[in-house]
Amino acid sequence: MTDPGGQSPRERYRAQVREEIKQHAWEQIATAGVPALSLNAIAKQMGLSGPALYRYFAGRDELITALVRDAYRSLADTVRTAFDSGADLHGLAGVIREWARSDPQRYFLVYGTPVPGYHAPDDITAISSEVMTVLLEACDALSVDSPATPFDVHLEDHREWADGHPATAATLHRALSFWSRLHGVLSLELAGHFTGMAFDPDLLITEELKSLPPR
């Protein structure tokens, strides 16, 4: 018998176990980092044998992919909802910062140091591109006529990362500046590098956004 969502009891149980495995994985990551992630250790915590757990995730990389996919999906949906509800660039910066601060380990999994030996599948790149698409749309709304910079000219022939978005080179430049400045501040903040400096990172982000190109 299936539920209203079309899942059988076996499928529901499998989904529940996969979610429990992912929760244990996040706890491991928070304690010792992604390189120390161990399916065997998770199996022991759950009272399963190693082979039994491998029925739910074929290996470490598949588990990491599930975690990364969930993280990017959460962020992409968060920024899209915020933008569609009227958030401008400053509002999006606040939403992204709140998302990052709510779970720093999740943030660092997707925006921190790459996991040695791990390569994300193409669908992960597609989800991450959704975030940049929203930023491009927000930046496009601020389009201002200004002289092209050398980097603007460079971006005319290096725009593959924009996933076909028809934005001008100036808009691409603005979105990249927003993205790099915001994540630069967030990475330092979440890693604790501002501890003891007694200033508000939110105000720093605000000032960084004010100086986005064009100036």
N, C-alpha and C. Protein backbone atom coordinates (compact mmCIF):
# COMPACT_ATOMS: atom_id res chain seq x y z
N MET A 1 0.86 -1.20 0.00
CA MET A 1 0.00 0.00 0.00
C MET A 1 0.89 1.25 0.00
N THR A 2 0.55 2.24 -0.80
CA THR A 2 1.34 3.47 -0.88
C THR A 2 0.63 4.60 -0.14
N ASP A 3 1.42 5.62 0.29
CA ASP A 3 0.82 6.78 0.95
C ASP A 3 0.38 7.78 -0.11
N PRO A 4 -0.26 8.90 0.30
CA PRO A 4 -0.72 9.88 -0.69
C PRO A 4 0.41 10.43 -1.55
N GLY A 5 1.65 10.37 -1.07
CA GLY A 5 2.77 10.86 -1.85
C GLY A 5 3.30 9.84 -2.82
N GLY A 6 2.69 8.66 -2.85
CA GLY A 6 3.09 7.64 -3.80
C GLY A 6 4.19 6.72 -3.31
N GLN A 7 4.57 6.80 -2.02
CA GLN A 7 5.63 5.95 -1.48
C GLN A 7 5.04 4.73 -0.79
N SER A 8 5.70 3.60 -0.99
CA SER A 8 5.32 2.39 -0.28
C SER A 8 5.95 2.44 1.11
N PRO A 9 5.49 1.60 2.05
CA PRO A 9 6.13 1.56 3.37
C PRO A 9 7.63 1.29 3.29
N ARG A 10 8.05 0.43 2.38
CA ARG A 10 9.48 0.15 2.22
C ARG A 10 10.24 1.41 1.78
N GLU A 11 9.64 2.16 0.85
CA GLU A 11 10.29 3.38 0.38
C GLU A 11 10.35 4.44 1.47
N ARG A 12 9.29 4.53 2.27
CA ARG A 12 9.29 5.49 3.37
C ARG A 12 10.37 5.13 4.38
N TYR A 13 10.49 3.85 4.68
CA TYR A 13 11.50 3.41 5.64
C TYR A 13 12.90 3.71 5.11
N ARG A 14 13.10 3.45 3.83
CA ARG A 14 14.42 3.71 3.24
C ARG A 14 14.76 5.20 3.33
N ALA A 15 13.76 6.05 3.02
CA ALA A 15 13.99 7.50 3.08
C ALA A 15 14.31 7.94 4.51
N GLN A 16 13.63 7.36 5.49
CA GLN A 16 13.88 7.70 6.89
C GLN A 16 15.28 7.30 7.33
N VAL A 17 15.71 6.11 6.91
CA VAL A 17 17.05 5.66 7.27
C VAL A 17 18.10 6.53 6.61
N ARG A 18 17.90 6.90 5.35
CA ARG A 18 18.85 7.78 4.67
C ARG A 18 18.95 9.13 5.38
N GLU A 19 17.83 9.66 5.83
CA GLU A 19 17.86 10.93 6.56
C GLU A 19 18.62 10.78 7.87
N GLU A 20 18.43 9.64 8.56
CA GLU A 20 19.14 9.42 9.81
C GLU A 20 20.64 9.31 9.56
N ILE A 21 21.01 8.64 8.49
CA ILE A 21 22.43 8.53 8.13
C ILE A 21 23.02 9.91 7.88
N LYS A 22 22.29 10.74 7.14
CA LYS A 22 22.78 12.09 6.85
C LYS A 22 22.93 12.91 8.12
N GLN A 23 22.01 12.74 9.06
CA GLN A 23 22.11 13.48 10.31
C GLN A 23 23.37 13.08 11.08
N HIS A 24 23.66 11.80 11.12
CA HIS A 24 24.89 11.33 11.78
C HIS A 24 26.12 11.86 11.03
N ALA A 25 26.01 11.94 9.72
CA ALA A 25 27.13 12.46 8.93
C ALA A 25 27.40 13.92 9.28
N TRP A 26 26.35 14.72 9.41
CA TRP A 26 26.53 16.12 9.79
C TRP A 26 27.18 16.24 11.15
N GLU A 27 26.79 15.36 12.07
CA GLU A 27 27.39 15.39 13.41
C GLU A 27 28.87 15.05 13.35
N GLN A 28 29.23 14.08 12.52
CA GLN A 28 30.65 13.75 12.33
C GLN A 28 31.42 14.92 11.75
N ILE A 29 30.83 15.55 10.74
CA ILE A 29 31.49 16.68 10.08
C ILE A 29 31.71 17.82 11.06
N ALA A 30 30.71 18.08 11.90
CA ALA A 30 30.84 19.15 12.89
C ALA A 30 31.95 18.86 13.90
N THR A 31 32.18 17.58 14.17
CA THR A 31 33.17 17.19 15.17
C THR A 31 34.58 17.10 14.60
N ALA A 32 34.71 16.51 13.42
CA ALA A 32 36.05 16.22 12.91
C ALA A 32 36.28 16.64 11.46
N GLY A 33 35.28 17.22 10.81
CA GLY A 33 35.45 17.66 9.43
C GLY A 33 35.10 16.57 8.42
N VAL A 34 34.92 16.99 7.17
CA VAL A 34 34.51 16.07 6.12
C VAL A 34 35.52 14.96 5.87
N PRO A 35 36.84 15.24 5.88
CA PRO A 35 37.81 14.16 5.60
C PRO A 35 37.69 12.97 6.55
N ALA A 36 37.15 13.21 7.75
CA ALA A 36 37.03 12.13 8.72
C ALA A 36 35.71 11.38 8.62
N LEU A 37 34.88 11.75 7.65
CA LEU A 37 33.58 11.11 7.51
C LEU A 37 33.74 9.61 7.29
N SER A 38 33.05 8.80 8.10
CA SER A 38 33.20 7.34 8.05
C SER A 38 31.84 6.67 8.07
N LEU A 39 31.52 5.95 7.01
CA LEU A 39 30.27 5.21 6.97
C LEU A 39 30.25 4.09 7.99
N ASN A 40 31.40 3.48 8.22
CA ASN A 40 31.45 2.40 9.21
C ASN A 40 31.15 2.92 10.61
N ALA A 41 31.66 4.12 10.91
CA ALA A 41 31.39 4.71 12.22
C ALA A 41 29.91 5.04 12.36
N ILE A 42 29.30 5.53 11.28
CA ILE A 42 27.87 5.83 11.31
C ILE A 42 27.07 4.55 11.50
N ALA A 43 27.46 3.50 10.81
CA ALA A 43 26.77 2.21 10.96
C ALA A 43 26.82 1.74 12.41
N LYS A 44 27.96 1.88 13.05
CA LYS A 44 28.11 1.46 14.45
C LYS A 44 27.18 2.28 15.35
N GLN A 45 27.10 3.60 15.10
CA GLN A 45 26.23 4.45 15.90
C GLN A 45 24.77 4.04 15.75
N MET A 46 24.40 3.57 14.55
CA MET A 46 23.02 3.23 14.29
C MET A 46 22.70 1.77 14.59
N GLY A 47 23.71 1.03 15.03
CA GLY A 47 23.50 -0.38 15.32
C GLY A 47 23.34 -1.23 14.08
N LEU A 48 23.94 -0.78 12.97
CA LEU A 48 23.89 -1.52 11.72
C LEU A 48 25.27 -2.08 11.40
N SER A 49 25.29 -3.09 10.56
CA SER A 49 26.56 -3.57 10.04
C SER A 49 26.99 -2.67 8.90
N GLY A 50 28.29 -2.68 8.58
CA GLY A 50 28.77 -1.90 7.45
C GLY A 50 28.04 -2.23 6.17
N PRO A 51 27.94 -3.52 5.81
CA PRO A 51 27.23 -3.89 4.57
C PRO A 51 25.79 -3.42 4.56
N ALA A 52 25.12 -3.40 5.72
CA ALA A 52 23.73 -2.97 5.77
C ALA A 52 23.62 -1.48 5.43
N LEU A 53 24.54 -0.68 5.95
CA LEU A 53 24.49 0.76 5.68
C LEU A 53 24.79 1.05 4.22
N TYR A 54 25.66 0.23 3.61
CA TYR A 54 26.01 0.46 2.22
C TYR A 54 24.85 0.17 1.27
N ARG A 55 23.77 -0.38 1.79
CA ARG A 55 22.57 -0.54 0.97
C ARG A 55 21.86 0.80 0.78
N TYR A 56 22.17 1.76 1.64
CA TYR A 56 21.53 3.07 1.57
C TYR A 56 22.40 4.11 0.88
N PHE A 57 23.71 4.00 1.05
CA PHE A 57 24.67 4.84 0.34
C PHE A 57 25.83 3.95 -0.10
N ALA A 58 26.12 3.98 -1.38
CA ALA A 58 27.12 3.07 -1.94
C ALA A 58 28.53 3.36 -1.44
N GLY A 59 28.76 4.56 -0.95
CA GLY A 59 30.09 4.91 -0.46
C GLY A 59 30.12 6.31 0.07
N ARG A 60 31.30 6.73 0.54
CA ARG A 60 31.46 8.06 1.12
C ARG A 60 31.06 9.16 0.14
N ASP A 61 31.48 9.03 -1.13
CA ASP A 61 31.20 10.09 -2.09
C ASP A 61 29.70 10.25 -2.34
N GLU A 62 28.98 9.16 -2.37
CA GLU A 62 27.54 9.25 -2.58
C GLU A 62 26.87 9.96 -1.40
N LEU A 63 27.37 9.70 -0.19
CA LEU A 63 26.83 10.37 0.99
C LEU A 63 27.16 11.85 0.95
N ILE A 64 28.40 12.20 0.62
CA ILE A 64 28.78 13.61 0.51
C ILE A 64 27.93 14.31 -0.54
N THR A 65 27.70 13.64 -1.67
CA THR A 65 26.87 14.23 -2.72
C THR A 65 25.47 14.53 -2.21
N ALA A 66 24.91 13.63 -1.43
CA ALA A 66 23.57 13.86 -0.87
C ALA A 66 23.56 15.07 0.06
N LEU A 67 24.63 15.21 0.86
CA LEU A 67 24.72 16.36 1.77
C LEU A 67 24.88 17.67 1.01
N VAL A 68 25.76 17.64 0.00
CA VAL A 68 25.99 18.84 -0.81
C VAL A 68 24.73 19.23 -1.58
N ARG A 69 24.05 18.22 -2.13
CA ARG A 69 22.82 18.48 -2.88
C ARG A 69 21.78 19.12 -1.97
N ASP A 70 21.61 18.58 -0.77
CA ASP A 70 20.64 19.15 0.17
C ASP A 70 21.01 20.60 0.52
N ALA A 71 22.31 20.85 0.73
CA ALA A 71 22.75 22.19 1.11
C ALA A 71 22.47 23.19 0.00
N TYR A 72 22.88 22.87 -1.22
CA TYR A 72 22.65 23.79 -2.34
C TYR A 72 21.16 23.96 -2.62
N ARG A 73 20.38 22.86 -2.50
CA ARG A 73 18.95 22.97 -2.74
C ARG A 73 18.31 23.92 -1.73
N SER A 74 18.73 23.80 -0.49
CA SER A 74 18.20 24.67 0.56
C SER A 74 18.54 26.13 0.28
N LEU A 75 19.80 26.41 -0.08
CA LEU A 75 20.20 27.79 -0.34
C LEU A 75 19.52 28.34 -1.59
N ALA A 76 19.47 27.54 -2.66
CA ALA A 76 18.84 28.00 -3.90
C ALA A 76 17.37 28.34 -3.67
N ASP A 77 16.67 27.49 -2.93
CA ASP A 77 15.25 27.76 -2.66
C ASP A 77 15.09 28.99 -1.77
N THR A 78 16.02 29.15 -0.82
CA THR A 78 15.95 30.29 0.10
C THR A 78 16.13 31.62 -0.63
N VAL A 79 17.14 31.71 -1.50
CA VAL A 79 17.38 32.98 -2.19
C VAL A 79 16.31 33.25 -3.25
N ARG A 80 15.82 32.20 -3.90
CA ARG A 80 14.75 32.39 -4.90
C ARG A 80 13.49 32.91 -4.22
N THR A 81 13.12 32.31 -3.10
CA THR A 81 11.92 32.75 -2.39
C THR A 81 12.06 34.19 -1.92
N ALA A 82 13.25 34.53 -1.42
CA ALA A 82 13.48 35.89 -0.94
C ALA A 82 13.39 36.90 -2.08
N PHE A 83 14.02 36.58 -3.21
CA PHE A 83 14.01 37.50 -4.35
C PHE A 83 12.61 37.66 -4.91
N ASP A 84 11.89 36.55 -5.06
CA ASP A 84 10.53 36.62 -5.60
C ASP A 84 9.59 37.36 -4.65
N SER A 85 9.99 37.46 -3.37
CA SER A 85 9.19 38.19 -2.39
C SER A 85 9.59 39.66 -2.29
N GLY A 86 10.55 40.08 -3.14
CA GLY A 86 10.91 41.48 -3.20
C GLY A 86 12.26 41.87 -2.64
N ALA A 87 13.07 40.91 -2.22
CA ALA A 87 14.38 41.24 -1.65
C ALA A 87 15.31 41.80 -2.72
N ASP A 88 16.02 42.88 -2.38
CA ASP A 88 17.04 43.42 -3.27
C ASP A 88 18.38 42.78 -2.90
N LEU A 89 19.48 43.31 -3.46
CA LEU A 89 20.78 42.72 -3.18
C LEU A 89 21.11 42.72 -1.69
N HIS A 90 20.83 43.84 -1.03
CA HIS A 90 21.11 43.90 0.40
C HIS A 90 20.26 42.88 1.16
N GLY A 91 19.01 42.74 0.75
CA GLY A 91 18.15 41.75 1.39
C GLY A 91 18.65 40.33 1.16
N LEU A 92 19.11 40.06 -0.06
CA LEU A 92 19.65 38.74 -0.37
C LEU A 92 20.90 38.45 0.44
N ALA A 93 21.73 39.48 0.64
CA ALA A 93 22.93 39.30 1.46
C ALA A 93 22.55 38.89 2.87
N GLY A 94 21.52 39.53 3.41
CA GLY A 94 21.07 39.19 4.76
C GLY A 94 20.51 37.78 4.83
N VAL A 95 19.77 37.39 3.80
CA VAL A 95 19.19 36.05 3.77
C VAL A 95 20.29 34.99 3.69
N ILE A 96 21.28 35.22 2.83
CA ILE A 96 22.38 34.27 2.68
C ILE A 96 23.19 34.19 3.97
N ARG A 97 23.44 35.35 4.59
CA ARG A 97 24.19 35.36 5.86
C ARG A 97 23.42 34.59 6.94
N GLU A 98 22.13 34.80 7.02
CA GLU A 98 21.32 34.09 8.01
C GLU A 98 21.36 32.58 7.74
N TRP A 99 21.26 32.20 6.47
CA TRP A 99 21.33 30.78 6.11
C TRP A 99 22.68 30.19 6.53
N ALA A 100 23.75 30.90 6.27
CA ALA A 100 25.08 30.42 6.59
C ALA A 100 25.28 30.32 8.10
N ARG A 101 24.86 31.33 8.83
CA ARG A 101 25.05 31.34 10.29
C ARG A 101 24.20 30.30 10.98
N SER A 102 23.09 29.90 10.36
CA SER A 102 22.21 28.90 10.98
C SER A 102 22.85 27.53 11.03
N ASP A 103 23.82 27.27 10.12
CA ASP A 103 24.50 25.97 10.07
C ASP A 103 25.85 26.15 9.38
N PRO A 104 26.86 26.62 10.13
CA PRO A 104 28.18 26.88 9.52
C PRO A 104 28.80 25.67 8.83
N GLN A 105 28.60 24.46 9.36
CA GLN A 105 29.19 23.28 8.74
C GLN A 105 28.59 23.04 7.36
N ARG A 106 27.31 23.28 7.23
CA ARG A 106 26.65 23.14 5.93
C ARG A 106 27.23 24.17 4.96
N TYR A 107 27.42 25.39 5.44
CA TYR A 107 28.00 26.45 4.60
C TYR A 107 29.40 26.06 4.13
N PHE A 108 30.24 25.62 5.06
CA PHE A 108 31.62 25.30 4.69
C PHE A 108 31.72 24.07 3.80
N LEU A 109 30.72 23.18 3.86
CA LEU A 109 30.75 22.02 2.98
C LEU A 109 30.68 22.45 1.52
N VAL A 110 29.89 23.50 1.23
CA VAL A 110 29.72 23.92 -0.17
C VAL A 110 30.60 25.11 -0.55
N TYR A 111 31.03 25.91 0.44
CA TYR A 111 31.83 27.10 0.12
C TYR A 111 33.20 27.11 0.80
N GLY A 112 33.54 26.02 1.45
CA GLY A 112 34.84 25.94 2.09
C GLY A 112 35.86 25.23 1.22
N THR A 113 36.88 24.70 1.86
CA THR A 113 37.94 23.99 1.14
C THR A 113 37.37 22.73 0.47
N PRO A 114 37.66 22.51 -0.82
CA PRO A 114 37.16 21.30 -1.49
C PRO A 114 37.57 20.02 -0.77
N VAL A 115 36.68 19.05 -0.78
CA VAL A 115 36.97 17.76 -0.14
C VAL A 115 37.98 17.00 -0.99
N PRO A 116 39.12 16.62 -0.43
CA PRO A 116 40.13 15.89 -1.22
C PRO A 116 39.56 14.63 -1.87
N GLY A 117 39.78 14.49 -3.16
CA GLY A 117 39.36 13.29 -3.88
C GLY A 117 37.90 13.23 -4.25
N TYR A 118 37.13 14.28 -3.91
CA TYR A 118 35.70 14.25 -4.22
C TYR A 118 35.39 15.17 -5.39
N HIS A 119 34.56 14.67 -6.31
CA HIS A 119 34.14 15.46 -7.47
C HIS A 119 32.61 15.40 -7.56
N ALA A 120 31.99 16.55 -7.47
CA ALA A 120 30.52 16.61 -7.48
C ALA A 120 29.98 16.31 -8.87
N PRO A 121 28.86 15.61 -8.96
CA PRO A 121 28.24 15.34 -10.27
C PRO A 121 27.65 16.61 -10.87
N ASP A 122 27.30 16.54 -12.15
CA ASP A 122 26.83 17.72 -12.88
C ASP A 122 25.56 18.31 -12.29
N ASP A 123 24.68 17.50 -11.73
CA ASP A 123 23.43 18.06 -11.22
C ASP A 123 23.67 18.97 -10.04
N ILE A 124 24.76 18.76 -9.31
CA ILE A 124 25.10 19.65 -8.20
C ILE A 124 25.47 21.03 -8.74
N THR A 125 26.26 21.05 -9.81
CA THR A 125 26.63 22.33 -10.42
C THR A 125 25.39 23.07 -10.91
N ALA A 126 24.43 22.34 -11.43
CA ALA A 126 23.20 22.97 -11.92
C ALA A 126 22.43 23.63 -10.78
N ILE A 127 22.37 22.96 -9.63
CA ILE A 127 21.65 23.54 -8.48
C ILE A 127 22.39 24.78 -7.97
N SER A 128 23.72 24.70 -7.89
CA SER A 128 24.49 25.85 -7.41
C SER A 128 24.33 27.03 -8.36
N SER A 129 24.16 26.75 -9.65
CA SER A 129 23.98 27.82 -10.62
C SER A 129 22.67 28.58 -10.41
N GLU A 130 21.69 27.93 -9.79
CA GLU A 130 20.43 28.60 -9.51
C GLU A 130 20.64 29.79 -8.59
N VAL A 131 21.58 29.66 -7.66
CA VAL A 131 21.88 30.76 -6.74
C VAL A 131 22.42 31.95 -7.53
N MET A 132 23.38 31.70 -8.41
CA MET A 132 23.95 32.78 -9.20
C MET A 132 22.92 33.40 -10.14
N THR A 133 21.99 32.60 -10.65
CA THR A 133 20.94 33.14 -11.52
C THR A 133 20.12 34.19 -10.78
N VAL A 134 19.79 33.91 -9.52
CA VAL A 134 19.04 34.89 -8.73
C VAL A 134 19.87 36.16 -8.53
N LEU A 135 21.16 36.01 -8.25
CA LEU A 135 22.02 37.17 -8.06
C LEU A 135 22.11 38.00 -9.34
N LEU A 136 22.19 37.32 -10.48
CA LEU A 136 22.23 38.03 -11.75
C LEU A 136 20.93 38.80 -11.99
N GLU A 137 19.81 38.20 -11.65
CA GLU A 137 18.53 38.88 -11.82
C GLU A 137 18.46 40.11 -10.92
N ALA A 138 18.94 39.97 -9.69
CA ALA A 138 18.93 41.10 -8.76
C ALA A 138 19.86 42.21 -9.23
N CYS A 139 21.03 41.83 -9.74
CA CYS A 139 21.98 42.82 -10.23
C CYS A 139 21.49 43.48 -11.51
N ASP A 140 20.78 42.72 -12.33
CA ASP A 140 20.26 43.26 -13.59
C ASP A 140 19.27 44.39 -13.33
N ALA A 141 18.57 44.29 -12.21
CA ALA A 141 17.61 45.33 -11.86
C ALA A 141 18.30 46.65 -11.50
N LEU A 142 19.62 46.59 -11.24
CA LEU A 142 20.38 47.78 -10.87
C LEU A 142 21.22 48.30 -12.03
N SER A 143 20.93 47.83 -13.23
CA SER A 143 21.75 48.18 -14.38
C SER A 143 21.88 49.70 -14.55
N VAL A 144 23.14 50.14 -14.67
CA VAL A 144 23.44 51.56 -14.84
C VAL A 144 24.44 51.71 -15.98
N ASP A 145 24.19 52.70 -16.84
CA ASP A 145 25.14 52.95 -17.93
C ASP A 145 26.43 53.51 -17.36
N SER A 146 27.53 52.88 -17.68
CA SER A 146 28.83 53.34 -17.21
C SER A 146 29.89 52.81 -18.16
N PRO A 147 31.06 53.45 -18.19
CA PRO A 147 32.13 52.98 -19.08
C PRO A 147 32.54 51.55 -18.72
N ALA A 148 32.82 50.75 -19.73
CA ALA A 148 33.23 49.37 -19.49
C ALA A 148 34.62 49.33 -18.86
N THR A 149 34.77 48.48 -17.86
CA THR A 149 36.08 48.30 -17.24
C THR A 149 36.82 47.20 -17.99
N PRO A 150 38.14 47.06 -17.78
CA PRO A 150 38.86 45.96 -18.41
C PRO A 150 38.27 44.59 -18.07
N PHE A 151 37.78 44.44 -16.83
CA PHE A 151 37.19 43.16 -16.44
C PHE A 151 35.85 42.94 -17.14
N ASP A 152 35.08 44.01 -17.35
CA ASP A 152 33.84 43.89 -18.12
C ASP A 152 34.13 43.32 -19.50
N VAL A 153 35.14 43.89 -20.16
CA VAL A 153 35.52 43.44 -21.50
C VAL A 153 35.95 41.97 -21.46
N HIS A 154 36.70 41.61 -20.44
CA HIS A 154 37.15 40.23 -20.28
C HIS A 154 35.96 39.28 -20.14
N LEU A 155 34.95 39.71 -19.37
CA LEU A 155 33.79 38.85 -19.12
C LEU A 155 32.94 38.60 -20.36
N GLU A 156 33.02 39.49 -21.34
CA GLU A 156 32.26 39.28 -22.57
C GLU A 156 32.60 37.94 -23.21
N ASP A 157 33.85 37.51 -23.06
CA ASP A 157 34.29 36.23 -23.65
C ASP A 157 34.49 35.14 -22.61
N HIS A 158 34.11 35.41 -21.35
CA HIS A 158 34.29 34.43 -20.28
C HIS A 158 33.05 34.43 -19.39
N ARG A 159 31.93 34.04 -20.00
CA ARG A 159 30.65 34.11 -19.30
C ARG A 159 29.96 32.75 -19.22
N GLU A 160 30.70 31.67 -19.46
CA GLU A 160 30.09 30.34 -19.42
C GLU A 160 29.47 30.05 -18.04
N TRP A 161 30.09 30.55 -16.99
CA TRP A 161 29.61 30.31 -15.62
C TRP A 161 28.22 30.89 -15.39
N ALA A 162 27.79 31.85 -16.25
CA ALA A 162 26.48 32.48 -16.09
C ALA A 162 25.35 31.61 -16.62
N ASP A 163 25.69 30.44 -17.17
CA ASP A 163 24.69 29.45 -17.59
C ASP A 163 23.68 30.02 -18.58
N GLY A 164 24.18 30.80 -19.55
CA GLY A 164 23.32 31.31 -20.60
C GLY A 164 22.52 32.54 -20.26
N HIS A 165 22.70 33.11 -19.06
CA HIS A 165 21.94 34.30 -18.69
C HIS A 165 22.34 35.47 -19.61
N PRO A 166 21.37 36.22 -20.14
CA PRO A 166 21.68 37.29 -21.10
C PRO A 166 22.16 38.59 -20.48
N ALA A 167 22.61 38.57 -19.26
CA ALA A 167 23.04 39.79 -18.57
C ALA A 167 24.20 40.46 -19.30
N THR A 168 24.26 41.77 -19.16
CA THR A 168 25.39 42.51 -19.71
C THR A 168 26.66 42.17 -18.94
N ALA A 169 27.81 42.51 -19.53
CA ALA A 169 29.07 42.25 -18.85
C ALA A 169 29.15 43.02 -17.54
N ALA A 170 28.59 44.24 -17.51
CA ALA A 170 28.60 45.02 -16.28
C ALA A 170 27.80 44.33 -15.17
N THR A 171 26.66 43.72 -15.56
CA THR A 171 25.85 42.99 -14.58
C THR A 171 26.58 41.75 -14.09
N LEU A 172 27.25 41.04 -15.00
CA LEU A 172 28.05 39.89 -14.60
C LEU A 172 29.12 40.31 -13.59
N HIS A 173 29.77 41.43 -13.88
CA HIS A 173 30.81 41.95 -12.99
C HIS A 173 30.23 42.26 -11.61
N ARG A 174 29.07 42.90 -11.59
CA ARG A 174 28.45 43.27 -10.33
C ARG A 174 28.08 42.02 -9.52
N ALA A 175 27.53 41.02 -10.19
CA ALA A 175 27.15 39.79 -9.49
C ALA A 175 28.36 39.06 -8.93
N LEU A 176 29.43 39.00 -9.70
CA LEU A 176 30.66 38.36 -9.21
C LEU A 176 31.24 39.12 -8.03
N SER A 177 31.20 40.45 -8.09
CA SER A 177 31.72 41.25 -6.98
C SER A 177 30.88 41.02 -5.72
N PHE A 178 29.56 41.00 -5.89
CA PHE A 178 28.67 40.73 -4.76
C PHE A 178 29.00 39.36 -4.15
N TRP A 179 29.09 38.37 -5.00
CA TRP A 179 29.32 36.98 -4.56
C TRP A 179 30.64 36.85 -3.82
N SER A 180 31.71 37.42 -4.39
CA SER A 180 33.03 37.25 -3.79
C SER A 180 33.17 38.06 -2.50
N ARG A 181 32.61 39.27 -2.47
CA ARG A 181 32.71 40.09 -1.26
C ARG A 181 31.89 39.49 -0.12
N LEU A 182 30.67 39.07 -0.44
CA LEU A 182 29.81 38.50 0.60
C LEU A 182 30.44 37.24 1.18
N HIS A 183 30.88 36.33 0.31
CA HIS A 183 31.44 35.08 0.83
C HIS A 183 32.80 35.29 1.49
N GLY A 184 33.52 36.32 1.07
CA GLY A 184 34.76 36.62 1.75
C GLY A 184 34.51 37.00 3.20
N VAL A 185 33.53 37.87 3.42
CA VAL A 185 33.19 38.28 4.78
C VAL A 185 32.61 37.10 5.57
N LEU A 186 31.68 36.36 4.94
CA LEU A 186 31.05 35.23 5.64
C LEU A 186 32.07 34.18 6.05
N SER A 187 32.99 33.85 5.16
CA SER A 187 33.98 32.81 5.46
C SER A 187 34.84 33.22 6.65
N LEU A 188 35.27 34.48 6.67
CA LEU A 188 36.07 34.96 7.79
C LEU A 188 35.26 34.99 9.08
N GLU A 189 34.00 35.44 8.96
CA GLU A 189 33.15 35.51 10.15
C GLU A 189 32.90 34.13 10.74
N LEU A 190 32.49 33.20 9.91
CA LEU A 190 32.13 31.87 10.40
C LEU A 190 33.34 31.08 10.88
N ALA A 191 34.51 31.39 10.35
CA ALA A 191 35.73 30.72 10.80
C ALA A 191 36.29 31.34 12.08
N GLY A 192 35.63 32.40 12.57
CA GLY A 192 36.03 33.00 13.83
C GLY A 192 37.13 34.04 13.75
N HIS A 193 37.46 34.48 12.52
CA HIS A 193 38.57 35.42 12.38
C HIS A 193 38.21 36.84 12.84
N PHE A 194 36.93 37.11 13.04
CA PHE A 194 36.53 38.43 13.54
C PHE A 194 36.38 38.44 15.06
N THR A 195 36.52 37.27 15.67
CA THR A 195 36.36 37.18 17.12
C THR A 195 37.35 38.12 17.82
N GLY A 196 36.83 38.92 18.72
CA GLY A 196 37.69 39.83 19.46
C GLY A 196 37.93 41.15 18.77
N MET A 197 37.45 41.31 17.52
CA MET A 197 37.68 42.57 16.79
C MET A 197 36.59 43.60 17.07
N ALA A 198 35.52 43.15 17.71
CA ALA A 198 34.48 44.06 18.24
C ALA A 198 33.84 44.97 17.18
N PHE A 199 33.56 44.42 15.99
CA PHE A 199 32.77 45.17 15.04
C PHE A 199 31.67 44.27 14.49
N ASP A 200 30.69 44.86 13.86
CA ASP A 200 29.53 44.13 13.35
C ASP A 200 29.77 43.74 11.89
N PRO A 201 29.94 42.45 11.59
CA PRO A 201 30.16 42.01 10.20
C PRO A 201 29.03 42.41 9.27
N ASP A 202 27.82 42.55 9.80
CA ASP A 202 26.70 42.95 8.95
C ASP A 202 26.92 44.35 8.39
N LEU A 203 27.49 45.24 9.19
CA LEU A 203 27.79 46.59 8.71
C LEU A 203 28.92 46.55 7.67
N LEU A 204 29.88 45.66 7.87
CA LEU A 204 30.95 45.51 6.89
C LEU A 204 30.39 45.05 5.55
N ILE A 205 29.46 44.09 5.59
CA ILE A 205 28.82 43.62 4.36
C ILE A 205 28.07 44.77 3.68
N THR A 206 27.36 45.58 4.47
CA THR A 206 26.62 46.71 3.92
C THR A 206 27.56 47.67 3.18
N GLU A 207 28.71 47.97 3.78
CA GLU A 207 29.66 48.87 3.15
C GLU A 207 30.25 48.25 1.88
N GLU A 208 30.49 46.95 1.91
CA GLU A 208 31.02 46.27 0.72
C GLU A 208 30.02 46.34 -0.43
N LEU A 209 28.74 46.20 -0.12
CA LEU A 209 27.71 46.24 -1.16
C LEU A 209 27.57 47.65 -1.74
N LYS A 210 27.79 48.66 -0.91
CA LYS A 210 27.68 50.04 -1.40
C LYS A 210 28.74 50.34 -2.46
N SER A 211 29.85 49.63 -2.40
CA SER A 211 30.95 49.92 -3.32
C SER A 211 31.01 48.96 -4.50
N LEU A 212 29.90 48.27 -4.75
CA LEU A 212 29.86 47.37 -5.91
C LEU A 212 29.97 48.18 -7.20
N PRO A 213 30.56 47.62 -8.26
CA PRO A 213 30.60 48.32 -9.54
C PRO A 213 29.19 48.39 -10.14
N PRO A 214 28.84 49.44 -10.93
CA PRO A 214 29.70 50.58 -11.23
C PRO A 214 29.75 51.54 -10.07
N ARG A 215 30.90 52.22 -9.88
CA ARG A 215 31.06 53.13 -8.77
C ARG A 215 30.53 54.52 -9.14
